[in-house]
C-alpha atoms as a PDB file:
ATOM      1  CA  MET A   1       0.016   0.083  -0.216  1.00  0.00           C
ATOM      2  CA  TRP A   2       1.255   3.519  -1.078  1.00  0.00           C
ATOM      3  CA  TYR A   3       0.828   6.320   0.805  1.00  0.00           C
ATOM      4  CA  LYS A   4       0.066   9.981  -0.094  1.00  0.00           C
ATOM      5  CA  ASN A   5       1.196  11.666   2.874  1.00  0.00           C
ATOM      6  CA  ALA A   6       3.211   9.400   5.356  1.00  0.00           C
ATOM      7  CA  ILE A   7       5.899  11.413   7.465  1.00  0.00           C
ATOM      8  CA  ILE A   8       8.278   9.445   9.368  1.00  0.00           C
ATOM      9  CA  TYR A   9      10.281  10.857  12.219  1.00  0.00           C
ATOM     10  CA  LEU A  10      13.334   8.721  13.584  1.00  0.00           C
ATOM     11  CA  LEU A  11      14.118   9.441  17.548  1.00  0.00           C
ATOM     12  CA  PRO A  12      17.090   8.924  19.057  1.00  0.00           C
ATOM     13  CA  ASP A  13      19.226   6.039  19.814  1.00  0.00           C
ATOM     14  CA  GLY A  14      17.556   4.985  23.814  1.00  0.00           C
ATOM     15  CA  TRP A  15      14.460   6.655  23.644  1.00  0.00           C
ATOM     16  CA  GLN A  16      11.896   4.927  25.110  1.00  0.00           C
ATOM     17  CA  LEU A  17       7.930   4.903  24.944  1.00  0.00           C
ATOM     18  CA  GLU A  18       6.798   6.028  28.905  1.00  0.00           C
ATOM     19  CA  ALA A  19       4.379   4.108  29.938  1.00  0.00           C
ATOM     20  CA  GLY A  20       0.874   4.396  29.539  1.00  0.00           C
ATOM     21  CA  PHE A  21       1.547   5.849  25.625  1.00  0.00           C
ATOM     22  CA  ALA A  22      -0.997   3.552  24.332  1.00  0.00           C
ATOM     23  CA  GLU A  23      -3.481   4.830  26.999  1.00  0.00           C
ATOM     24  CA  LYS A  24      -3.056   8.365  26.477  1.00  0.00           C
ATOM     25  CA  LEU A  25      -3.301   7.648  22.578  1.00  0.00           C
ATOM     26  CA  GLU A  26      -7.143   6.361  23.164  1.00  0.00           C
ATOM     27  CA  GLN A  27      -7.956   8.592  24.812  1.00  0.00           C
ATOM     28  CA  ALA A  28      -7.302  10.350  21.686  1.00  0.00           C
ATOM     29  CA  ALA A  29      -9.087   8.001  19.269  1.00  0.00           C
ATOM     30  CA  PHE A  30      -9.831   8.997  15.914  1.00  0.00           C
ATOM     31  CA  THR A  31     -14.012   9.466  15.418  1.00  0.00           C
ATOM     32  CA  HIS A  32     -15.780  10.913  12.127  1.00  0.00           C
ATOM     33  CA  CYS A  33     -16.709  14.236  11.376  1.00  0.00           C
ATOM     34  CA  PHE A  34     -20.526  14.543  12.251  1.00  0.00           C
ATOM     35  CA  GLY A  35     -22.559  17.781  12.457  1.00  0.00           C
ATOM     36  CA  PHE A  36     -21.480  20.914  11.952  1.00  0.00           C
ATOM     37  CA  CYS A  37     -18.702  19.575  12.384  1.00  0.00           C
ATOM     38  CA  TRP A  38     -15.638  20.248   9.407  1.00  0.00           C
ATOM     39  CA  PHE A  39     -12.883  18.712  10.314  1.00  0.00           C
ATOM     40  CA  SER A  40     -11.538  15.698  12.712  1.00  0.00           C
ATOM     41  CA  ASP A  41      -8.487  14.137  13.843  1.00  0.00           C
ATOM     42  CA  GLY A  42      -7.032  11.543  16.234  1.00  0.00           C
ATOM     43  CA  PHE A  43      -5.596   8.650  16.696  1.00  0.00           C
ATOM     44  CA  ALA A  44      -6.070   5.210  14.902  1.00  0.00           C
ATOM     45  CA  PRO A  45      -4.305   1.158  14.841  1.00  0.00           C
ATOM     46  CA  PRO A  46      -1.599   1.697  12.732  1.00  0.00           C
ATOM     47  CA  THR A  47      -2.139  -2.326  11.125  1.00  0.00           C
ATOM     48  CA  PRO A  48      -5.255  -3.997   9.856  1.00  0.00           C
ATOM     49  CA  PHE A  49      -4.667  -6.921  12.120  1.00  0.00           C
ATOM     50  CA  SER A  50      -4.349  -5.408  15.304  1.00  0.00           C
ATOM     51  CA  SER A  51      -6.304  -2.587  17.662  1.00  0.00           C
ATOM     52  CA  ASP A  52      -3.475  -1.605  19.603  1.00  0.00           C
ATOM     53  CA  PHE A  53      -2.389   2.000  18.456  1.00  0.00           C
ATOM     54  CA  VAL A  54       0.934   1.832  19.266  1.00  0.00           C
ATOM     55  CA  PHE A  55       2.890  -1.076  16.801  1.00  0.00           C
ATOM     56  CA  THR A  56       6.260  -2.362  17.732  1.00  0.00           C
ATOM     57  CA  ALA A  57       8.527  -3.661  15.663  1.00  0.00           C
ATOM     58  CA  GLN A  58      11.844  -4.203  14.484  1.00  0.00           C
ATOM     59  CA  ASN A  59      13.462  -1.417  17.045  1.00  0.00           C
ATOM     60  CA  SER A  60      10.139   1.009  15.866  1.00  0.00           C
ATOM     61  CA  ASN A  61       7.419   2.022  17.728  1.00  0.00           C
ATOM     62  CA  ARG A  62       4.619   2.927  14.756  1.00  0.00           C
ATOM     63  CA  VAL A  63       1.216   5.336  15.384  1.00  0.00           C
ATOM     64  CA  CYS A  64      -1.457   6.964  13.372  1.00  0.00           C
ATOM     65  CA  LEU A  65      -2.725   9.939  13.125  1.00  0.00           C
ATOM     66  CA  LYS A  66      -5.929   9.598  11.233  1.00  0.00           C
ATOM     67  CA  HIS A  67      -7.509  13.158  10.163  1.00  0.00           C
ATOM     68  CA  GLU A  68     -10.488  13.101   8.025  1.00  0.00           C
ATOM     69  CA  GLU A  69     -12.332  16.591   6.434  1.00  0.00           C
ATOM     70  CA  LYS A  70     -15.793  17.198   4.656  1.00  0.00           C
ATOM     71  CA  VAL A  71     -16.061  18.328   1.294  1.00  0.00           C
ATOM     72  CA  LEU A  72     -19.141  20.299  -0.177  1.00  0.00           C
ATOM     73  CA  PRO A  73     -19.302  19.477  -3.784  1.00  0.00           C
ATOM     74  CA  THR A  74     -19.689  22.255  -6.152  1.00  0.00           C
ATOM     75  CA  SER A  75     -23.487  22.158  -6.408  1.00  0.00           C
ATOM     76  CA  ALA A  76     -23.456  23.272  -2.975  1.00  0.00           C
ATOM     77  CA  THR A  77     -21.335  25.647  -3.313  1.00  0.00           C
ATOM     78  CA  HIS A  78     -22.926  27.468  -6.952  1.00  0.00           C
ATOM     79  CA  ASN A  79     -24.118  30.766  -6.555  1.00  0.00           C
ATOM     80  CA  PRO A  80     -27.958  30.375  -8.523  1.00  0.00           C
ATOM     81  CA  SER A  81     -28.317  34.410  -8.982  1.00  0.00           C
ATOM     82  CA  THR A  82     -25.096  34.446 -11.084  1.00  0.00           C
ATOM     83  CA  PRO A  83     -25.846  34.570 -14.954  1.00  0.00           C
ATOM     84  CA  GLN A  84     -24.983  32.025 -17.586  1.00  0.00           C
ATOM     85  CA  ALA A  85     -24.850  32.096 -20.609  1.00  0.00           C
ATOM     86  CA  VAL A  86     -27.745  29.777 -22.753  1.00  0.00           C
END
């Protein structure tokens, strides 16, 4: 799978996750845009096969920040009072 916008941060040697880091990510879990919210941000599980918010593999810890925006169709933003050529 290719990502449109993947950002990878390299942390210094010896850096360790603090205790309770995954629980803090769960508290800021992603929810979809509802009602009058124009966008939504939150953390999601980084792998499809696990519900853990931190995935550890090959000396790396992976997390996933998810972002969703509402996009209006052009018909919703079209101004009917503008004259159009026939």
